[in-house]
């Protein structure tokens, strides 16, 4: 792999990970369904940043 490709992949990976911090809340739903057209699986995770639920988290 060339340097520009590695740099691009690194940047894209960091962007997809996002910026997670201590105190963030993760809500995850993992669902399985049997029947219909076959087995189905779905996973959904949302992150609630600490500054959304704790207004004092930004004060120094």
C-alpha atoms as a PDB file:
ATOM      1  CA  UNK A   1       0.000   0.000   0.000  1.00  0.00           C
ATOM      2  CA  UNK A   2       1.218   3.475  -0.766  1.00  0.00           C
ATOM      3  CA  UNK A   3       1.557   6.264   1.808  1.00  0.00           C
ATOM      4  CA  UNK A   4      -1.453   8.293   0.500  1.00  0.00           C
ATOM      5  CA  UNK A   5      -3.680   5.200   0.622  1.00  0.00           C
ATOM      6  CA  UNK A   6      -2.583   4.369   4.180  1.00  0.00           C
ATOM      7  CA  UNK A   7      -3.171   7.965   5.245  1.00  0.00           C
ATOM      8  CA  UNK A   8      -6.635   7.990   3.670  1.00  0.00           C
ATOM      9  CA  UNK A   9      -7.613   4.704   5.335  1.00  0.00           C
ATOM     10  CA  UNK A  10      -6.320   5.901   8.710  1.00  0.00           C
ATOM     11  CA  UNK A  11      -8.307   9.154   8.453  1.00  0.00           C
ATOM     12  CA  UNK A  12     -11.461   7.323   7.365  1.00  0.00           C
ATOM     13  CA  UNK A  13     -11.135   4.841  10.236  1.00  0.00           C
ATOM     14  CA  UNK A  14     -10.750   7.621  12.794  1.00  0.00           C
ATOM     15  CA  UNK A  15     -13.757   9.438  11.342  1.00  0.00           C
ATOM     16  CA  UNK A  16     -15.938   6.319  11.500  1.00  0.00           C
ATOM     17  CA  UNK A  17     -14.956   5.642  15.125  1.00  0.00           C
ATOM     18  CA  UNK A  18     -15.919   9.135  16.170  1.00  0.00           C
ATOM     19  CA  UNK A  19     -14.979  10.846  19.378  1.00  0.00           C
ATOM     20  CA  UNK A  20     -16.001   8.814  22.404  1.00  0.00           C
ATOM     21  CA  UNK A  21     -15.355  10.001  25.937  1.00  0.00           C
ATOM     22  CA  UNK A  22     -15.703   8.807  29.494  1.00  0.00           C
ATOM     23  CA  UNK A  23     -19.274   9.289  30.623  1.00  0.00           C
ATOM     24  CA  UNK A  24     -20.871   8.724  27.199  1.00  0.00           C
ATOM     25  CA  UNK A  25     -23.906   6.423  27.298  1.00  0.00           C
ATOM     26  CA  UNK A  26     -24.260   3.558  24.803  1.00  0.00           C
ATOM     27  CA  UNK A  27     -27.686   2.104  24.049  1.00  0.00           C
ATOM     28  CA  UNK A  28     -27.537  -1.054  21.973  1.00  0.00           C
ATOM     29  CA  UNK A  29     -30.323  -3.252  20.614  1.00  0.00           C
ATOM     30  CA  UNK A  30     -29.500  -6.666  19.192  1.00  0.00           C
ATOM     31  CA  UNK A  31     -32.416  -8.516  17.569  1.00  0.00           C
ATOM     32  CA  UNK A  32     -32.845 -11.918  15.941  1.00  0.00           C
ATOM     33  CA  UNK A  33     -35.911 -13.084  14.020  1.00  0.00           C
ATOM     34  CA  UNK A  34     -36.588 -16.598  12.749  1.00  0.00           C
ATOM     35  CA  UNK A  35     -39.170 -17.154  10.051  1.00  0.00           C
ATOM     36  CA  UNK A  36     -40.385 -15.346   6.994  1.00  0.00           C
ATOM     37  CA  UNK A  37     -37.563 -15.385   4.455  1.00  0.00           C
ATOM     38  CA  UNK A  38     -35.110 -16.897   6.919  1.00  0.00           C
ATOM     39  CA  UNK A  39     -33.065 -15.842   9.873  1.00  0.00           C
ATOM     40  CA  UNK A  40     -32.617 -12.101  10.253  1.00  0.00           C
ATOM     41  CA  UNK A  41     -30.211 -10.246  12.518  1.00  0.00           C
ATOM     42  CA  UNK A  42     -30.079  -6.556  13.278  1.00  0.00           C
ATOM     43  CA  UNK A  43     -27.836  -4.534  15.551  1.00  0.00           C
ATOM     44  CA  UNK A  44     -28.265  -0.849  16.336  1.00  0.00           C
ATOM     45  CA  UNK A  45     -26.177   1.241  18.725  1.00  0.00           C
ATOM     46  CA  UNK A  46     -26.598   4.892  19.571  1.00  0.00           C
ATOM     47  CA  UNK A  47     -24.274   7.021  21.650  1.00  0.00           C
ATOM     48  CA  UNK A  48     -25.493   9.813  23.912  1.00  0.00           C
ATOM     49  CA  UNK A  49     -22.562  12.150  24.576  1.00  0.00           C
ATOM     50  CA  UNK A  50     -22.102  13.232  28.181  1.00  0.00           C
ATOM     51  CA  UNK A  51     -22.570  16.907  27.317  1.00  0.00           C
ATOM     52  CA  UNK A  52     -26.156  16.112  26.153  1.00  0.00           C
ATOM     53  CA  UNK A  53     -27.308  14.841  29.541  1.00  0.00           C
ATOM     54  CA  UNK A  54     -24.836  16.498  31.969  1.00  0.00           C
ATOM     55  CA  UNK A  55     -24.659  20.278  31.536  1.00  0.00           C
ATOM     56  CA  UNK A  56     -21.898  20.489  34.163  1.00  0.00           C
ATOM     57  CA  UNK A  57     -19.540  18.301  32.131  1.00  0.00           C
ATOM     58  CA  UNK A  58     -18.261  21.289  30.125  1.00  0.00           C
ATOM     59  CA  UNK A  59     -17.467  23.468  33.141  1.00  0.00           C
ATOM     60  CA  UNK A  60     -13.828  23.599  34.184  1.00  0.00           C
END
